[in-house]
Amino acid sequence: MDSQLLAQATQPLSALPDVDMAKVEQIKAALNRGEISLDVDALSSAILQFHTGHE
């Protein structure tokens, strides 16, 4: 029973794209308009932390 529920929940999720391109475009546009700023140091630290487990 649990495996059936898991399979039912997994199917719709697997059909979704990995990246929400509409959201990406909204963020890119906001960056271009200067509405939000990009802290390159914070971003690079977050990427390193995510991929390596340390800064």
PDB file of N, CA and C in Angstrom:
ATOM      1  N   MET A   1       0.829  -1.208   0.000  1.00  0.00           N
ATOM      2  CA  MET A   1       0.000   0.000   0.000  1.00  0.00           C
ATOM      3  C   MET A   1       0.861   1.255   0.000  1.00  0.00           C
ATOM      4  N   ASP A   2       1.870   1.322   0.867  1.00  0.00           N
ATOM      5  CA  ASP A   2       2.731   2.499   0.919  1.00  0.00           C
ATOM      6  C   ASP A   2       3.484   2.711  -0.388  1.00  0.00           C
ATOM      7  N   SER A   3       3.924   1.643  -1.015  1.00  0.00           N
ATOM      8  CA  SER A   3       4.656   1.781  -2.275  1.00  0.00           C
ATOM      9  C   SER A   3       3.742   2.305  -3.378  1.00  0.00           C
ATOM     10  N   GLN A   4       2.465   1.938  -3.339  1.00  0.00           N
ATOM     11  CA  GLN A   4       1.515   2.458  -4.324  1.00  0.00           C
ATOM     12  C   GLN A   4       1.311   3.960  -4.133  1.00  0.00           C
ATOM     13  N   LEU A   5       1.190   4.391  -2.885  1.00  0.00           N
ATOM     14  CA  LEU A   5       1.022   5.820  -2.607  1.00  0.00           C
ATOM     15  C   LEU A   5       2.258   6.599  -3.045  1.00  0.00           C
ATOM     16  N   LEU A   6       3.414   6.046  -2.763  1.00  0.00           N
ATOM     17  CA  LEU A   6       4.657   6.693  -3.163  1.00  0.00           C
ATOM     18  C   LEU A   6       4.739   6.797  -4.684  1.00  0.00           C
ATOM     19  N   ALA A   7       4.378   5.750  -5.386  1.00  0.00           N
ATOM     20  CA  ALA A   7       4.397   5.761  -6.844  1.00  0.00           C
ATOM     21  C   ALA A   7       3.411   6.789  -7.388  1.00  0.00           C
ATOM     22  N   GLN A   8       2.248   6.891  -6.770  1.00  0.00           N
ATOM     23  CA  GLN A   8       1.254   7.869  -7.211  1.00  0.00           C
ATOM     24  C   GLN A   8       1.742   9.300  -6.993  1.00  0.00           C
ATOM     25  N   ALA A   9       2.469   9.527  -5.915  1.00  0.00           N
ATOM     26  CA  ALA A   9       2.985  10.860  -5.630  1.00  0.00           C
ATOM     27  C   ALA A   9       4.195  11.179  -6.496  1.00  0.00           C
ATOM     28  N   THR A  10       4.982  10.185  -6.824  1.00  0.00           N
ATOM     29  CA  THR A  10       6.210  10.393  -7.577  1.00  0.00           C
ATOM     30  C   THR A  10       5.943  10.697  -9.036  1.00  0.00           C
ATOM     31  N   GLN A  11       4.940  10.080  -9.620  1.00  0.00           N
ATOM     32  CA  GLN A  11       4.649  10.286 -11.040  1.00  0.00           C
ATOM     33  C   GLN A  11       4.434  11.757 -11.395  1.00  0.00           C
ATOM     34  N   PRO A  12       3.528  12.469 -10.730  1.00  0.00           N
ATOM     35  CA  PRO A  12       3.328  13.879 -11.100  1.00  0.00           C
ATOM     36  C   PRO A  12       4.578  14.725 -10.839  1.00  0.00           C
ATOM     37  N   LEU A  13       5.303  14.418  -9.775  1.00  0.00           N
ATOM     38  CA  LEU A  13       6.508  15.182  -9.470  1.00  0.00           C
ATOM     39  C   LEU A  13       7.579  14.985 -10.534  1.00  0.00           C
ATOM     40  N   SER A  14       7.704  13.787 -11.047  1.00  0.00           N
ATOM     41  CA  SER A  14       8.727  13.520 -12.055  1.00  0.00           C
ATOM     42  C   SER A  14       8.415  14.215 -13.373  1.00  0.00           C
ATOM     43  N   ALA A  15       7.167  14.596 -13.580  1.00  0.00           N
ATOM     44  CA  ALA A  15       6.787  15.284 -14.812  1.00  0.00           C
ATOM     45  C   ALA A  15       7.127  16.772 -14.760  1.00  0.00           C
ATOM     46  N   LEU A  16       7.398  17.294 -13.559  1.00  0.00           N
ATOM     47  CA  LEU A  16       7.724  18.709 -13.419  1.00  0.00           C
ATOM     48  C   LEU A  16       9.159  18.963 -13.871  1.00  0.00           C
ATOM     49  N   PRO A  17       9.434  20.140 -14.422  1.00  0.00           N
ATOM     50  CA  PRO A  17      10.808  20.465 -14.817  1.00  0.00           C
ATOM     51  C   PRO A  17      11.680  20.668 -13.580  1.00  0.00           C
ATOM     52  N   ASP A  18      12.973  20.414 -13.734  1.00  0.00           N
ATOM     53  CA  ASP A  18      13.907  20.605 -12.629  1.00  0.00           C
ATOM     54  C   ASP A  18      14.084  22.078 -12.289  1.00  0.00           C
ATOM     55  N   VAL A  19      13.941  22.946 -13.286  1.00  0.00           N
ATOM     56  CA  VAL A  19      14.137  24.381 -13.104  1.00  0.00           C
ATOM     57  C   VAL A  19      12.892  25.114 -13.590  1.00  0.00           C
ATOM     58  N   ASP A  20      12.409  26.027 -12.769  1.00  0.00           N
ATOM     59  CA  ASP A  20      11.260  26.855 -13.135  1.00  0.00           C
ATOM     60  C   ASP A  20      11.782  28.030 -13.969  1.00  0.00           C
ATOM     61  N   MET A  21      11.797  27.852 -15.294  1.00  0.00           N
ATOM     62  CA  MET A  21      12.390  28.855 -16.181  1.00  0.00           C
ATOM     63  C   MET A  21      11.648  30.185 -16.135  1.00  0.00           C
ATOM     64  N   ALA A  22      10.359  30.175 -15.871  1.00  0.00           N
ATOM     65  CA  ALA A  22       9.617  31.430 -15.752  1.00  0.00           C
ATOM     66  C   ALA A  22      10.137  32.234 -14.559  1.00  0.00           C
ATOM     67  N   LYS A  23      10.399  31.542 -13.464  1.00  0.00           N
ATOM     68  CA  LYS A  23      10.935  32.208 -12.274  1.00  0.00           C
ATOM     69  C   LYS A  23      12.348  32.715 -12.537  1.00  0.00           C
ATOM     70  N   VAL A  24      13.151  31.924 -13.242  1.00  0.00           N
ATOM     71  CA  VAL A  24      14.506  32.347 -13.592  1.00  0.00           C
ATOM     72  C   VAL A  24      14.456  33.640 -14.402  1.00  0.00           C
ATOM     73  N   GLU A  25      13.558  33.711 -15.375  1.00  0.00           N
ATOM     74  CA  GLU A  25      13.440  34.905 -16.208  1.00  0.00           C
ATOM     75  C   GLU A  25      12.982  36.112 -15.383  1.00  0.00           C
ATOM     76  N   GLN A  26      12.082  35.891 -14.424  1.00  0.00           N
ATOM     77  CA  GLN A  26      11.637  36.984 -13.555  1.00  0.00           C
ATOM     78  C   GLN A  26      12.807  37.532 -12.738  1.00  0.00           C
ATOM     79  N   ILE A  27      13.624  36.648 -12.221  1.00  0.00           N
ATOM     80  CA  ILE A  27      14.765  37.061 -11.404  1.00  0.00           C
ATOM     81  C   ILE A  27      15.805  37.776 -12.268  1.00  0.00           C
ATOM     82  N   LYS A  28      16.063  37.251 -13.454  1.00  0.00           N
ATOM     83  CA  LYS A  28      17.007  37.902 -14.360  1.00  0.00           C
ATOM     84  C   LYS A  28      16.539  39.318 -14.701  1.00  0.00           C
ATOM     85  N   ALA A  29      15.267  39.460 -14.979  1.00  0.00           N
ATOM     86  CA  ALA A  29      14.724  40.779 -15.314  1.00  0.00           C
ATOM     87  C   ALA A  29      14.850  41.729 -14.124  1.00  0.00           C
ATOM     88  N   ALA A  30      14.559  41.250 -12.915  1.00  0.00           N
ATOM     89  CA  ALA A  30      14.670  42.086 -11.718  1.00  0.00           C
ATOM     90  C   ALA A  30      16.124  42.490 -11.484  1.00  0.00           C
ATOM     91  N   LEU A  31      17.064  41.589 -11.722  1.00  0.00           N
ATOM     92  CA  LEU A  31      18.485  41.927 -11.610  1.00  0.00           C
ATOM     93  C   LEU A  31      18.857  43.008 -12.622  1.00  0.00           C
ATOM     94  N   ASN A  32      18.404  42.841 -13.859  1.00  0.00           N
ATOM     95  CA  ASN A  32      18.697  43.821 -14.906  1.00  0.00           C
ATOM     96  C   ASN A  32      18.105  45.190 -14.611  1.00  0.00           C
ATOM     97  N   ARG A  33      16.949  45.220 -13.963  1.00  0.00           N
ATOM     98  CA  ARG A  33      16.316  46.492 -13.606  1.00  0.00           C
ATOM     99  C   ARG A  33      16.912  47.102 -12.345  1.00  0.00           C
ATOM    100  N   GLY A  34      17.780  46.356 -11.653  1.00  0.00           N
ATOM    101  CA  GLY A  34      18.390  46.856 -10.426  1.00  0.00           C
ATOM    102  C   GLY A  34      17.479  46.738  -9.220  1.00  0.00           C
ATOM    103  N   GLU A  35      16.410  45.956  -9.324  1.00  0.00           N
ATOM    104  CA  GLU A  35      15.462  45.805  -8.217  1.00  0.00           C
ATOM    105  C   GLU A  35      16.010  44.912  -7.117  1.00  0.00           C
ATOM    106  N   ILE A  36      16.883  43.997  -7.486  1.00  0.00           N
ATOM    107  CA  ILE A  36      17.560  43.162  -6.495  1.00  0.00           C
ATOM    108  C   ILE A  36      19.048  43.151  -6.832  1.00  0.00           C
ATOM    109  N   SER A  37      19.861  43.001  -5.803  1.00  0.00           N
ATOM    110  CA  SER A  37      21.302  43.001  -6.034  1.00  0.00           C
ATOM    111  C   SER A  37      21.835  41.585  -5.916  1.00  0.00           C
ATOM    112  N   LEU A  38      23.005  41.392  -6.469  1.00  0.00           N
ATOM    113  CA  LEU A  38      23.634  40.083  -6.454  1.00  0.00           C
ATOM    114  C   LEU A  38      24.935  40.186  -5.672  1.00  0.00           C
ATOM    115  N   ASP A  39      25.016  39.487  -4.557  1.00  0.00           N
ATOM    116  CA  ASP A  39      26.228  39.429  -3.754  1.00  0.00           C
ATOM    117  C   ASP A  39      27.027  38.220  -4.231  1.00  0.00           C
ATOM    118  N   VAL A  40      28.002  38.478  -5.099  1.00  0.00           N
ATOM    119  CA  VAL A  40      28.760  37.407  -5.731  1.00  0.00           C
ATOM    120  C   VAL A  40      29.515  36.580  -4.694  1.00  0.00           C
ATOM    121  N   ASP A  41      30.063  37.219  -3.668  1.00  0.00           N
ATOM    122  CA  ASP A  41      30.793  36.485  -2.624  1.00  0.00           C
ATOM    123  C   ASP A  41      29.864  35.536  -1.868  1.00  0.00           C
ATOM    124  N   ALA A  42      28.675  36.013  -1.515  1.00  0.00           N
ATOM    125  CA  ALA A  42      27.718  35.161  -0.806  1.00  0.00           C
ATOM    126  C   ALA A  42      27.255  34.015  -1.701  1.00  0.00           C
ATOM    127  N   LEU A  43      27.029  34.302  -2.970  1.00  0.00           N
ATOM    128  CA  LEU A  43      26.604  33.267  -3.903  1.00  0.00           C
ATOM    129  C   LEU A  43      27.676  32.207  -4.070  1.00  0.00           C
ATOM    130  N   SER A  44      28.922  32.620  -4.256  1.00  0.00           N
ATOM    131  CA  SER A  44      29.993  31.634  -4.435  1.00  0.00           C
ATOM    132  C   SER A  44      30.187  30.799  -3.168  1.00  0.00           C
ATOM    133  N   SER A  45      30.058  31.419  -1.997  1.00  0.00           N
ATOM    134  CA  SER A  45      30.158  30.659  -0.742  1.00  0.00           C
ATOM    135  C   SER A  45      29.030  29.635  -0.620  1.00  0.00           C
ATOM    136  N   ALA A  46      27.831  30.047  -1.004  1.00  0.00           N
ATOM    137  CA  ALA A  46      26.690  29.139  -0.927  1.00  0.00           C
ATOM    138  C   ALA A  46      26.852  27.968  -1.888  1.00  0.00           C
ATOM    139  N   ILE A  47      27.375  28.233  -3.078  1.00  0.00           N
ATOM    140  CA  ILE A  47      27.596  27.157  -4.049  1.00  0.00           C
ATOM    141  C   ILE A  47      28.638  26.178  -3.528  1.00  0.00           C
ATOM    142  N   LEU A  48      29.741  26.708  -3.005  1.00  0.00           N
ATOM    143  CA  LEU A  48      30.776  25.830  -2.444  1.00  0.00           C
ATOM    144  C   LEU A  48      30.233  25.010  -1.277  1.00  0.00           C
ATOM    145  N   GLN A  49      29.482  25.654  -0.399  1.00  0.00           N
ATOM    146  CA  GLN A  49      28.898  24.940   0.747  1.00  0.00           C
ATOM    147  C   GLN A  49      27.987  23.825   0.283  1.00  0.00           C
ATOM    148  N   PHE A  50      27.166  24.101  -0.703  1.00  0.00           N
ATOM    149  CA  PHE A  50      26.218  23.107  -1.205  1.00  0.00           C
ATOM    150  C   PHE A  50      26.931  21.918  -1.830  1.00  0.00           C
ATOM    151  N   HIS A  51      27.932  22.191  -2.643  1.00  0.00           N
ATOM    152  CA  HIS A  51      28.572  21.122  -3.409  1.00  0.00           C
ATOM    153  C   HIS A  51      29.699  20.400  -2.678  1.00  0.00           C
ATOM    154  N   THR A  52      30.307  21.062  -1.707  1.00  0.00           N
ATOM    155  CA  THR A  52      31.450  20.429  -1.032  1.00  0.00           C
ATOM    156  C   THR A  52      31.222  20.181   0.452  1.00  0.00           C
ATOM    157  N   GLY A  53      30.255  20.859   1.015  1.00  0.00           N
ATOM    158  CA  GLY A  53      29.996  20.715   2.447  1.00  0.00           C
ATOM    159  C   GLY A  53      30.837  21.652   3.288  1.00  0.00           C
ATOM    160  N   HIS A  54      31.671  22.487   2.648  1.00  0.00           N
ATOM    161  CA  HIS A  54      32.462  23.482   3.360  1.00  0.00           C
ATOM    162  C   HIS A  54      32.770  24.652   2.427  1.00  0.00           C
ATOM    163  N   GLU A  55      33.187  25.767   3.052  1.00  0.00           N
ATOM    164  CA  GLU A  55      33.466  26.976   2.253  1.00  0.00           C
ATOM    165  C   GLU A  55      34.872  26.976   1.736  1.00  0.00           C
TER     166      GLU A  55
END
